[in-house]
Amino acid sequence: MIEFKPRMWTLMGVSAMALVGAAACQPGGEAGTSAADGEKAAASSTAGEGEGEGAKPAPAPAAARAGGESGEAGAANAYSNVDPASWLGLRVSHLSGFLLVAQKSFEAGQVDEASVLIAQGLLEVYQPDAAELDSKVKDLKPSYEAVVAAIDGKKSKAEIEAAFVKAFKVTQAAQSSAAASDSDVIKGMLGIASGLYSGVVHPDGNDPTEYQHAYGAVLAAEQAFKSAQSNLGSMDKKRTAQLAKDVVALVALFPSVTIPEAPAATAAVTAAASRAELALSGIK
């Protein structure tokens, strides 16, 4: 079974991320904050969710930028590179990546791993922004939890597959409710995929969990593109065709749901994501 490694503190809520941009504009905004200090501050913030949204989130911006594993920090940075109006939609798409890779895992016979992947997505992506998501989209968390319950309850294959289908339908409705820019969501997911993959390949051993999280982000980027392909094509058919090829090339760097013995080099994934983003940026 894959290792369960929650990193909720690095992926703060949409409201808190709004403060990151403001803090970054202040002189010396990042000075004097160590990785340990950032993690402690954010852990304290997330642990105190019961105190209500009114609690001052001042430590959170520093925590988001300080330390952490490179992949998770890269994922957080992807949010700051798109219009804040699209952050909620990007959050939904980011969460859907865990469902998409979990479905791949389930189809490969890795049933318990599929359950863990969805639980990781809920903890790392949904929970930091639960209040915002719960107020603006319907039934998102319950639909994901229903898949976990079906898997953990040893339901039949048909029942588990039906739970996946329902969760994807709820996700699609949530994405529509978020009313995010298609381009922003695709761009954000490409950035998240690239950022997460930066934590995969290491000389002292590769990270199978980050590989799956990055793969999920790639699948979510692909899904976001397919949903927007017709609209993008109406604006620029040639560049949209190129983007389609670039997305296919990026997905091809993930040949299996579990990390291969020789995973793609970090530079290869970064370059593929960058090429896709370049094609996307030319579509006006």
Protein backbone atom coordinates (compact mmCIF):
# COMPACT_ATOMS: atom_id res chain seq x y z
CA MET A 1 0.00 0.00 0.00
CA ILE A 2 1.23 3.50 -0.72
CA GLU A 3 2.40 5.58 2.19
CA PHE A 4 -0.06 8.14 3.56
CA LYS A 5 1.78 11.47 3.72
CA PRO A 6 -0.56 14.41 4.34
CA ARG A 7 0.87 17.88 3.77
CA MET A 8 -2.23 19.97 4.36
CA TRP A 9 -0.31 22.97 5.72
CA THR A 10 1.32 23.76 2.39
CA LEU A 11 -1.99 24.14 0.55
CA MET A 12 -3.86 26.86 2.39
CA GLY A 13 -7.37 28.01 1.63
CA VAL A 14 -8.31 30.44 -1.09
CA SER A 15 -8.98 33.26 1.36
CA ALA A 16 -5.62 32.83 3.03
CA MET A 17 -3.84 32.66 -0.32
CA ALA A 18 -5.22 36.06 -1.16
CA LEU A 19 -3.04 37.37 1.65
CA VAL A 20 0.02 35.72 0.15
CA GLY A 21 -0.06 38.01 -2.86
CA ALA A 22 -0.53 41.05 -0.66
CA ALA A 23 2.30 40.04 1.64
CA ALA A 24 4.60 39.41 -1.32
CA CYS A 25 4.21 43.03 -2.31
CA GLN A 26 5.43 44.26 1.04
CA PRO A 27 9.15 44.97 1.49
CA GLY A 28 10.86 42.15 3.36
CA GLY A 29 7.66 40.09 3.31
CA GLU A 30 9.55 36.79 3.18
CA ALA A 31 12.52 37.69 5.34
CA GLY A 32 13.33 35.80 8.49
CA THR A 33 10.90 32.91 8.05
CA SER A 34 12.43 29.45 8.26
CA ALA A 35 10.81 26.28 7.00
CA ALA A 36 10.29 25.09 10.56
CA ASP A 37 8.72 28.36 11.63
CA GLY A 38 6.41 28.28 8.60
CA GLU A 39 5.28 24.74 9.24
CA LYS A 40 4.63 25.41 12.93
CA ALA A 41 2.60 28.53 12.16
CA ALA A 42 0.47 26.81 9.55
CA ALA A 43 -0.02 23.69 11.62
CA SER A 44 -1.31 25.88 14.41
CA SER A 45 -3.64 27.63 11.99
CA THR A 46 -5.14 24.43 10.55
CA ALA A 47 -5.42 22.82 13.95
CA GLY A 48 -7.55 25.71 15.11
CA GLU A 49 -10.20 25.55 12.43
CA GLY A 50 -12.82 25.22 15.13
CA GLU A 51 -12.08 28.80 16.18
CA GLY A 52 -13.82 30.00 13.04
CA GLU A 53 -12.84 31.80 9.87
CA GLY A 54 -12.60 35.05 11.77
CA ALA A 55 -9.27 34.10 13.35
CA LYS A 56 -6.41 36.20 12.03
CA PRO A 57 -4.52 34.18 9.39
CA ALA A 58 -1.36 36.33 9.48
CA PRO A 59 1.10 33.43 9.85
CA ALA A 60 -0.34 31.56 6.87
CA PRO A 61 1.23 33.53 4.00
CA ALA A 62 4.73 33.01 5.39
CA ALA A 63 4.01 29.35 5.97
CA ALA A 64 2.94 28.86 2.38
CA ARG A 65 6.22 30.20 1.06
CA ALA A 66 8.54 28.75 3.65
CA GLY A 67 10.12 25.36 3.22
CA GLY A 68 8.16 22.19 2.82
CA GLU A 69 8.88 19.55 0.23
CA SER A 70 9.64 21.11 -3.13
CA GLY A 71 6.71 19.46 -4.86
CA GLU A 72 4.07 20.73 -2.47
CA ALA A 73 5.56 24.22 -2.46
CA GLY A 74 5.46 24.14 -6.26
CA ALA A 75 1.79 23.23 -6.15
CA ALA A 76 1.04 26.19 -3.90
CA ASN A 77 2.96 28.50 -6.23
CA ALA A 78 0.76 27.46 -9.15
CA TYR A 79 -2.23 29.15 -7.52
CA SER A 80 -0.44 32.49 -7.34
CA ASN A 81 0.20 32.37 -11.08
CA VAL A 82 -3.47 32.52 -12.06
CA ASP A 83 -6.24 35.07 -11.52
CA PRO A 84 -7.60 34.84 -7.95
CA ALA A 85 -11.10 34.68 -9.45
CA SER A 86 -10.18 31.20 -10.72
CA TRP A 87 -8.71 29.85 -7.49
CA LEU A 88 -11.88 28.08 -6.40
CA GLY A 89 -12.27 26.37 -9.76
CA LEU A 90 -8.60 25.42 -9.71
CA ARG A 91 -9.08 23.94 -6.23
CA VAL A 92 -11.92 21.75 -7.53
CA SER A 93 -9.81 20.61 -10.48
CA HIS A 94 -6.83 19.96 -8.19
CA LEU A 95 -9.02 17.78 -5.97
CA SER A 96 -10.36 15.94 -8.99
CA GLY A 97 -6.83 14.86 -9.85
CA PHE A 98 -6.81 12.63 -6.78
CA LEU A 99 -10.10 11.07 -7.87
CA LEU A 100 -8.79 10.53 -11.39
CA VAL A 101 -5.59 8.81 -10.28
CA ALA A 102 -7.56 6.83 -7.69
CA GLN A 103 -9.80 5.55 -10.48
CA LYS A 104 -6.70 4.50 -12.43
CA SER A 105 -5.42 2.75 -9.31
CA PHE A 106 -8.74 0.97 -8.79
CA GLU A 107 -8.83 -0.16 -12.42
CA ALA A 108 -5.31 -1.55 -11.97
CA GLY A 109 -6.50 -3.68 -9.06
CA GLN A 110 -4.91 -1.48 -6.39
CA VAL A 111 -8.13 -1.06 -4.45
CA ASP A 112 -6.79 -0.01 -1.04
CA GLU A 113 -4.40 2.45 -2.67
CA ALA A 114 -7.34 4.08 -4.47
CA SER A 115 -9.06 4.72 -1.15
CA VAL A 116 -5.90 6.26 0.31
CA LEU A 117 -5.43 8.55 -2.68
CA ILE A 118 -8.92 10.00 -2.33
CA ALA A 119 -8.43 10.46 1.40
CA GLN A 120 -5.17 12.30 0.70
CA GLY A 121 -6.94 14.61 -1.73
CA LEU A 122 -9.63 15.45 0.81
CA LEU A 123 -7.04 16.18 3.48
CA GLU A 124 -4.50 18.07 1.43
CA VAL A 125 -6.69 19.94 -1.06
CA TYR A 126 -10.26 20.04 0.22
CA GLN A 127 -9.80 20.54 3.95
CA PRO A 128 -7.70 23.73 3.84
CA ASP A 129 -10.51 25.46 1.94
CA ALA A 130 -13.50 23.50 3.24
CA ALA A 131 -15.51 26.53 4.37
CA GLU A 132 -15.25 28.22 0.97
CA LEU A 133 -15.99 25.05 -0.95
CA ASP A 134 -18.93 24.08 1.25
CA SER A 135 -20.47 27.51 0.82
CA LYS A 136 -20.19 27.61 -2.97
CA VAL A 137 -20.39 24.06 -4.28
CA LYS A 138 -22.70 21.21 -3.33
CA ASP A 139 -22.04 17.65 -2.21
CA LEU A 140 -18.39 17.60 -3.26
CA LYS A 141 -16.87 16.11 -0.11
CA PRO A 142 -19.74 13.64 0.52
CA SER A 143 -19.43 12.27 -3.01
CA TYR A 144 -15.71 11.62 -2.55
CA GLU A 145 -16.27 10.12 0.88
CA ALA A 146 -18.88 7.83 -0.67
CA VAL A 147 -16.23 6.36 -2.95
CA VAL A 148 -13.93 5.77 0.02
CA ALA A 149 -16.80 4.18 1.97
CA ALA A 150 -17.65 1.90 -0.95
CA ILE A 151 -14.04 0.77 -1.27
CA ASP A 152 -13.41 0.37 2.45
CA GLY A 153 -16.77 -1.35 2.89
CA LYS A 154 -15.75 -3.97 0.30
CA LYS A 155 -18.71 -3.16 -1.93
CA SER A 156 -19.02 -4.81 -5.32
CA LYS A 157 -17.02 -3.55 -8.28
CA ALA A 158 -20.21 -2.20 -9.87
CA GLU A 159 -21.11 -0.26 -6.72
CA ILE A 160 -17.64 1.24 -6.44
CA GLU A 161 -17.65 2.21 -10.11
CA ALA A 162 -21.06 3.83 -9.64
CA ALA A 163 -19.67 5.83 -6.72
CA PHE A 164 -16.82 7.05 -8.93
CA VAL A 165 -19.28 8.08 -11.65
CA LYS A 166 -21.38 10.06 -9.17
CA ALA A 167 -18.31 11.78 -7.71
CA PHE A 168 -17.18 12.84 -11.18
CA LYS A 169 -20.65 14.24 -11.95
CA VAL A 170 -20.62 16.22 -8.71
CA THR A 171 -17.13 17.48 -9.53
CA GLN A 172 -18.27 18.66 -12.94
CA ALA A 173 -21.19 20.53 -11.38
CA ALA A 174 -18.85 22.05 -8.79
CA GLN A 175 -16.51 23.22 -11.52
CA SER A 176 -19.42 24.91 -13.28
CA SER A 177 -20.49 26.59 -10.04
CA ALA A 178 -16.95 27.89 -9.51
CA ALA A 179 -17.14 29.73 -12.85
CA ALA A 180 -13.36 29.77 -13.29
CA SER A 181 -11.52 30.66 -16.48
CA ASP A 182 -10.82 27.54 -18.53
CA SER A 183 -7.37 28.80 -19.39
CA ASP A 184 -6.58 29.57 -15.76
CA VAL A 185 -7.59 26.10 -14.62
CA ILE A 186 -5.52 24.39 -17.32
CA LYS A 187 -2.54 26.66 -16.62
CA GLY A 188 -2.87 26.11 -12.89
CA MET A 189 -3.04 22.33 -13.22
CA LEU A 190 0.01 22.30 -15.49
CA GLY A 191 1.86 24.30 -12.84
CA ILE A 192 0.68 22.01 -10.05
CA ALA A 193 1.75 18.92 -12.01
CA SER A 194 5.18 20.34 -12.70
CA GLY A 195 5.57 21.53 -9.12
CA LEU A 196 4.57 18.19 -7.63
CA TYR A 197 6.84 16.27 -9.96
CA SER A 198 9.81 18.27 -8.74
CA GLY A 199 9.51 16.21 -5.56
CA VAL A 200 9.53 12.83 -7.31
CA VAL A 201 13.01 12.06 -8.64
CA HIS A 202 15.90 12.14 -6.16
CA PRO A 203 19.40 10.61 -6.14
CA ASP A 204 18.71 8.94 -2.80
CA GLY A 205 15.39 7.42 -3.84
CA ASN A 206 12.28 8.34 -5.81
CA ASP A 207 8.98 9.27 -4.15
CA PRO A 208 6.10 7.00 -5.27
CA THR A 209 3.45 9.08 -3.50
CA GLU A 210 4.47 12.36 -5.15
CA TYR A 211 4.56 10.54 -8.48
CA GLN A 212 0.91 9.57 -8.09
CA HIS A 213 -0.08 13.06 -6.95
CA ALA A 214 1.71 14.57 -9.95
CA TYR A 215 0.07 12.02 -12.24
CA GLY A 216 -3.31 12.97 -10.84
CA ALA A 217 -2.58 16.63 -11.55
CA VAL A 218 -1.62 15.76 -15.14
CA LEU A 219 -4.87 13.83 -15.56
CA ALA A 220 -6.79 16.81 -14.18
CA ALA A 221 -5.00 19.13 -16.60
CA GLU A 222 -5.92 16.78 -19.44
CA GLN A 223 -9.56 16.68 -18.28
CA ALA A 224 -9.70 20.47 -17.98
CA PHE A 225 -8.34 20.81 -21.51
CA LYS A 226 -10.81 18.31 -22.97
CA SER A 227 -13.69 20.16 -21.31
CA ALA A 228 -12.50 23.47 -22.78
CA GLN A 229 -11.17 22.21 -26.12
CA SER A 230 -14.14 23.27 -28.22
CA ASN A 231 -14.22 26.75 -26.74
CA LEU A 232 -10.46 27.21 -27.09
CA GLY A 233 -10.58 25.94 -30.66
CA SER A 234 -13.11 28.57 -31.57
CA MET A 235 -10.59 31.22 -30.51
CA ASP A 236 -7.48 29.70 -32.08
CA LYS A 237 -7.77 26.36 -33.85
CA LYS A 238 -4.06 26.01 -34.67
CA ARG A 239 -2.75 26.68 -31.17
CA THR A 240 -5.47 24.51 -29.62
CA ALA A 241 -4.37 21.62 -31.86
CA GLN A 242 -0.80 22.17 -30.68
CA LEU A 243 -1.94 22.26 -27.07
CA ALA A 244 -3.74 18.95 -27.59
CA LYS A 245 -0.48 17.38 -28.80
CA ASP A 246 1.45 18.88 -25.90
CA VAL A 247 -1.02 17.53 -23.34
CA VAL A 248 -0.80 14.06 -24.88
CA ALA A 249 2.99 14.24 -24.69
CA LEU A 250 2.83 15.23 -21.02
CA VAL A 251 0.47 12.38 -20.13
CA ALA A 252 2.77 9.94 -21.95
CA LEU A 253 5.51 10.69 -19.40
CA PHE A 254 3.39 8.82 -16.84
CA PRO A 255 3.26 5.27 -18.25
CA SER A 256 1.71 3.63 -15.20
CA VAL A 257 -0.33 4.47 -12.12
CA THR A 258 2.58 3.46 -9.89
CA ILE A 259 6.03 4.93 -10.29
CA PRO A 260 8.10 3.08 -12.91
CA GLU A 261 11.58 1.81 -12.16
CA ALA A 262 13.02 4.63 -14.26
CA PRO A 263 10.59 7.58 -14.07
CA ALA A 264 10.84 10.50 -16.48
CA ALA A 265 13.45 13.09 -15.58
CA THR A 266 12.19 16.16 -13.76
CA ALA A 267 13.42 18.34 -16.62
CA ALA A 268 11.39 16.31 -19.13
CA VAL A 269 8.14 16.80 -17.21
CA THR A 270 8.87 20.48 -16.59
CA ALA A 271 9.64 21.03 -20.28
CA ALA A 272 6.49 19.20 -21.41
CA ALA A 273 4.30 21.22 -19.05
CA SER A 274 6.00 24.43 -20.18
CA ARG A 275 5.39 23.65 -23.84
CA ALA A 276 1.71 23.08 -23.12
CA GLU A 277 1.51 26.31 -21.16
CA LEU A 278 3.20 28.19 -24.01
CA ALA A 279 0.63 26.94 -26.50
CA LEU A 280 -2.14 27.83 -24.08
CA SER A 281 -0.80 31.36 -23.55
CA GLY A 282 -1.09 32.08 -27.27
CA ILE A 283 -4.83 31.36 -27.35
CA LYS A 284 -6.66 34.67 -27.00
